[in-house]
Amino acid sequence: MNINLKEVCKFLAGAFFVSAGTLFYLYLTRTPVPLLGTQIVLEPEVHGIRASIHAILFLVAFYIGFIRK
């Protein structure tokens, strides 16, 4: 079985784009989110940090999947 890296990066670019957008929205609305099955609550600042990391990963995956030849 042969796995094409460009196709995987195209999929990951879409996933990171959606994830970054959702996390950025949660950051802007200052919405705390409880972690399933625990008493831990993720604060909005954590969402902002994760959104920026996912945005960087989106750019990397987008470059590898769509732009690089």
N, C-alpha and C. Protein backbone atom coordinates (compact mmCIF):
# COMPACT_ATOMS: atom_id res chain seq x y z
N MET A 1 0.83 -1.17 0.00
CA MET A 1 0.00 0.00 0.00
C MET A 1 0.89 1.25 0.00
N ASN A 2 0.58 2.19 -0.88
CA ASN A 2 1.36 3.40 -1.01
C ASN A 2 0.56 4.60 -0.49
N ILE A 3 1.12 5.34 0.46
CA ILE A 3 0.45 6.51 1.01
C ILE A 3 1.10 7.76 0.43
N ASN A 4 0.28 8.61 -0.19
CA ASN A 4 0.77 9.82 -0.81
C ASN A 4 0.81 10.94 0.23
N LEU A 5 2.02 11.48 0.50
CA LEU A 5 2.20 12.51 1.51
C LEU A 5 1.42 13.78 1.17
N LYS A 6 1.34 14.13 -0.11
CA LYS A 6 0.61 15.34 -0.50
C LYS A 6 -0.87 15.23 -0.16
N GLU A 7 -1.45 14.07 -0.38
CA GLU A 7 -2.87 13.88 -0.08
C GLU A 7 -3.13 13.91 1.42
N VAL A 8 -2.23 13.34 2.19
CA VAL A 8 -2.36 13.37 3.65
C VAL A 8 -2.29 14.81 4.15
N CYS A 9 -1.36 15.59 3.59
CA CYS A 9 -1.22 16.98 4.00
C CYS A 9 -2.43 17.82 3.58
N LYS A 10 -3.06 17.48 2.45
CA LYS A 10 -4.28 18.18 2.05
C LYS A 10 -5.39 17.95 3.07
N PHE A 11 -5.52 16.70 3.51
CA PHE A 11 -6.51 16.38 4.53
C PHE A 11 -6.20 17.09 5.83
N LEU A 12 -4.93 17.05 6.26
CA LEU A 12 -4.56 17.69 7.52
C LEU A 12 -4.73 19.20 7.46
N ALA A 13 -4.50 19.80 6.29
CA ALA A 13 -4.69 21.25 6.15
C ALA A 13 -6.14 21.61 6.43
N GLY A 14 -7.07 20.85 5.89
CA GLY A 14 -8.49 21.10 6.15
C GLY A 14 -8.84 20.90 7.60
N ALA A 15 -8.32 19.86 8.20
CA ALA A 15 -8.62 19.57 9.61
C ALA A 15 -8.06 20.67 10.52
N PHE A 16 -6.82 21.09 10.27
CA PHE A 16 -6.22 22.14 11.10
C PHE A 16 -6.92 23.48 10.89
N PHE A 17 -7.39 23.76 9.67
CA PHE A 17 -8.11 25.00 9.40
C PHE A 17 -9.39 25.08 10.22
N VAL A 18 -10.16 24.01 10.22
CA VAL A 18 -11.41 23.97 10.97
C VAL A 18 -11.14 24.04 12.47
N SER A 19 -10.15 23.30 12.92
CA SER A 19 -9.82 23.29 14.34
C SER A 19 -9.34 24.66 14.80
N ALA A 20 -8.49 25.32 14.02
CA ALA A 20 -8.00 26.65 14.39
C ALA A 20 -9.15 27.65 14.44
N GLY A 21 -10.06 27.56 13.49
CA GLY A 21 -11.20 28.47 13.48
C GLY A 21 -12.10 28.27 14.68
N THR A 22 -12.37 27.03 15.02
CA THR A 22 -13.22 26.74 16.17
C THR A 22 -12.57 27.20 17.47
N LEU A 23 -11.30 26.91 17.63
CA LEU A 23 -10.59 27.32 18.84
C LEU A 23 -10.49 28.83 18.94
N PHE A 24 -10.29 29.51 17.81
CA PHE A 24 -10.22 30.96 17.82
C PHE A 24 -11.57 31.56 18.21
N TYR A 25 -12.65 30.96 17.73
CA TYR A 25 -14.00 31.42 18.11
C TYR A 25 -14.21 31.25 19.62
N LEU A 26 -13.81 30.10 20.17
CA LEU A 26 -13.95 29.88 21.61
C LEU A 26 -13.11 30.87 22.40
N TYR A 27 -11.95 31.24 21.86
CA TYR A 27 -11.10 32.23 22.51
C TYR A 27 -11.75 33.61 22.49
N LEU A 28 -12.30 34.00 21.34
CA LEU A 28 -12.91 35.32 21.22
C LEU A 28 -14.15 35.47 22.10
N THR A 29 -14.91 34.41 22.23
CA THR A 29 -16.13 34.48 23.05
C THR A 29 -15.88 34.19 24.51
N ARG A 30 -14.63 33.93 24.86
CA ARG A 30 -14.24 33.66 26.26
C ARG A 30 -15.06 32.52 26.86
N THR A 31 -15.13 31.41 26.13
CA THR A 31 -15.92 30.26 26.55
C THR A 31 -15.03 29.20 27.19
N PRO A 32 -15.18 28.94 28.49
CA PRO A 32 -14.45 27.82 29.09
C PRO A 32 -15.12 26.50 28.70
N VAL A 33 -14.30 25.48 28.44
CA VAL A 33 -14.82 24.19 28.01
C VAL A 33 -14.33 23.11 28.97
N PRO A 34 -15.26 22.35 29.59
CA PRO A 34 -14.84 21.26 30.48
C PRO A 34 -14.26 20.09 29.70
N LEU A 35 -13.24 19.48 30.25
CA LEU A 35 -12.61 18.31 29.65
C LEU A 35 -13.44 17.08 30.02
N LEU A 36 -13.88 16.34 29.02
CA LEU A 36 -14.82 15.23 29.21
C LEU A 36 -14.29 14.21 30.20
N GLY A 37 -15.10 13.90 31.19
CA GLY A 37 -14.77 12.86 32.16
C GLY A 37 -13.89 13.31 33.30
N THR A 38 -13.54 14.60 33.36
CA THR A 38 -12.70 15.10 34.45
C THR A 38 -13.32 16.36 35.03
N GLN A 39 -12.70 16.90 36.06
CA GLN A 39 -13.13 18.16 36.65
C GLN A 39 -12.34 19.34 36.09
N ILE A 40 -11.49 19.09 35.09
CA ILE A 40 -10.64 20.13 34.50
C ILE A 40 -11.45 20.97 33.52
N VAL A 41 -11.27 22.28 33.60
CA VAL A 41 -11.92 23.20 32.68
C VAL A 41 -10.83 23.94 31.90
N LEU A 42 -10.89 23.88 30.57
CA LEU A 42 -9.91 24.57 29.74
C LEU A 42 -10.32 26.03 29.61
N GLU A 43 -9.44 26.91 30.03
CA GLU A 43 -9.71 28.34 30.00
C GLU A 43 -9.55 28.89 28.59
N PRO A 44 -10.13 30.06 28.31
CA PRO A 44 -10.06 30.64 26.97
C PRO A 44 -8.63 30.94 26.49
N GLU A 45 -7.72 31.24 27.42
CA GLU A 45 -6.34 31.50 27.02
C GLU A 45 -5.70 30.26 26.40
N VAL A 46 -6.06 29.10 26.89
CA VAL A 46 -5.56 27.84 26.32
C VAL A 46 -6.06 27.68 24.89
N HIS A 47 -7.31 28.07 24.66
CA HIS A 47 -7.86 27.99 23.30
C HIS A 47 -7.10 28.91 22.36
N GLY A 48 -6.71 30.09 22.83
CA GLY A 48 -5.95 31.01 21.99
C GLY A 48 -4.60 30.46 21.61
N ILE A 49 -3.93 29.82 22.55
CA ILE A 49 -2.62 29.23 22.28
C ILE A 49 -2.77 28.07 21.30
N ARG A 50 -3.76 27.21 21.54
CA ARG A 50 -3.98 26.08 20.64
C ARG A 50 -4.39 26.53 19.25
N ALA A 51 -5.18 27.62 19.16
CA ALA A 51 -5.59 28.14 17.86
C ALA A 51 -4.39 28.62 17.06
N SER A 52 -3.45 29.28 17.71
CA SER A 52 -2.27 29.76 16.99
C SER A 52 -1.39 28.59 16.55
N ILE A 53 -1.26 27.57 17.37
CA ILE A 53 -0.48 26.39 16.98
C ILE A 53 -1.13 25.69 15.80
N HIS A 54 -2.45 25.54 15.83
CA HIS A 54 -3.15 24.88 14.73
C HIS A 54 -3.10 25.72 13.45
N ALA A 55 -3.08 27.04 13.60
CA ALA A 55 -2.95 27.90 12.41
C ALA A 55 -1.58 27.72 11.76
N ILE A 56 -0.54 27.60 12.57
CA ILE A 56 0.81 27.35 12.03
C ILE A 56 0.87 25.99 11.36
N LEU A 57 0.29 24.98 12.00
CA LEU A 57 0.27 23.64 11.40
C LEU A 57 -0.55 23.62 10.12
N PHE A 58 -1.62 24.41 10.06
CA PHE A 58 -2.40 24.54 8.83
C PHE A 58 -1.54 25.10 7.71
N LEU A 59 -0.78 26.15 7.99
CA LEU A 59 0.07 26.76 6.96
C LEU A 59 1.12 25.77 6.45
N VAL A 60 1.72 25.01 7.35
CA VAL A 60 2.72 24.02 6.95
C VAL A 60 2.09 22.93 6.08
N ALA A 61 0.97 22.39 6.54
CA ALA A 61 0.30 21.33 5.78
C ALA A 61 -0.23 21.85 4.45
N PHE A 62 -0.73 23.09 4.43
CA PHE A 62 -1.23 23.69 3.18
C PHE A 62 -0.09 23.85 2.18
N TYR A 63 1.07 24.29 2.67
CA TYR A 63 2.23 24.45 1.79
C TYR A 63 2.65 23.11 1.19
N ILE A 64 2.78 22.11 2.04
CA ILE A 64 3.23 20.79 1.55
C ILE A 64 2.18 20.15 0.63
N GLY A 65 0.91 20.30 0.98
CA GLY A 65 -0.14 19.62 0.23
C GLY A 65 -0.53 20.30 -1.06
N PHE A 66 -0.50 21.64 -1.10
CA PHE A 66 -1.03 22.35 -2.26
C PHE A 66 0.00 23.15 -3.05
N ILE A 67 0.97 23.73 -2.38
CA ILE A 67 1.87 24.66 -3.07
C ILE A 67 3.16 24.00 -3.54
N ARG A 68 3.79 23.20 -2.68
CA ARG A 68 5.07 22.57 -3.03
C ARG A 68 4.90 21.58 -4.16
N LYS A 69 5.87 21.59 -5.07
CA LYS A 69 5.80 20.67 -6.22
C LYS A 69 6.61 19.43 -6.01
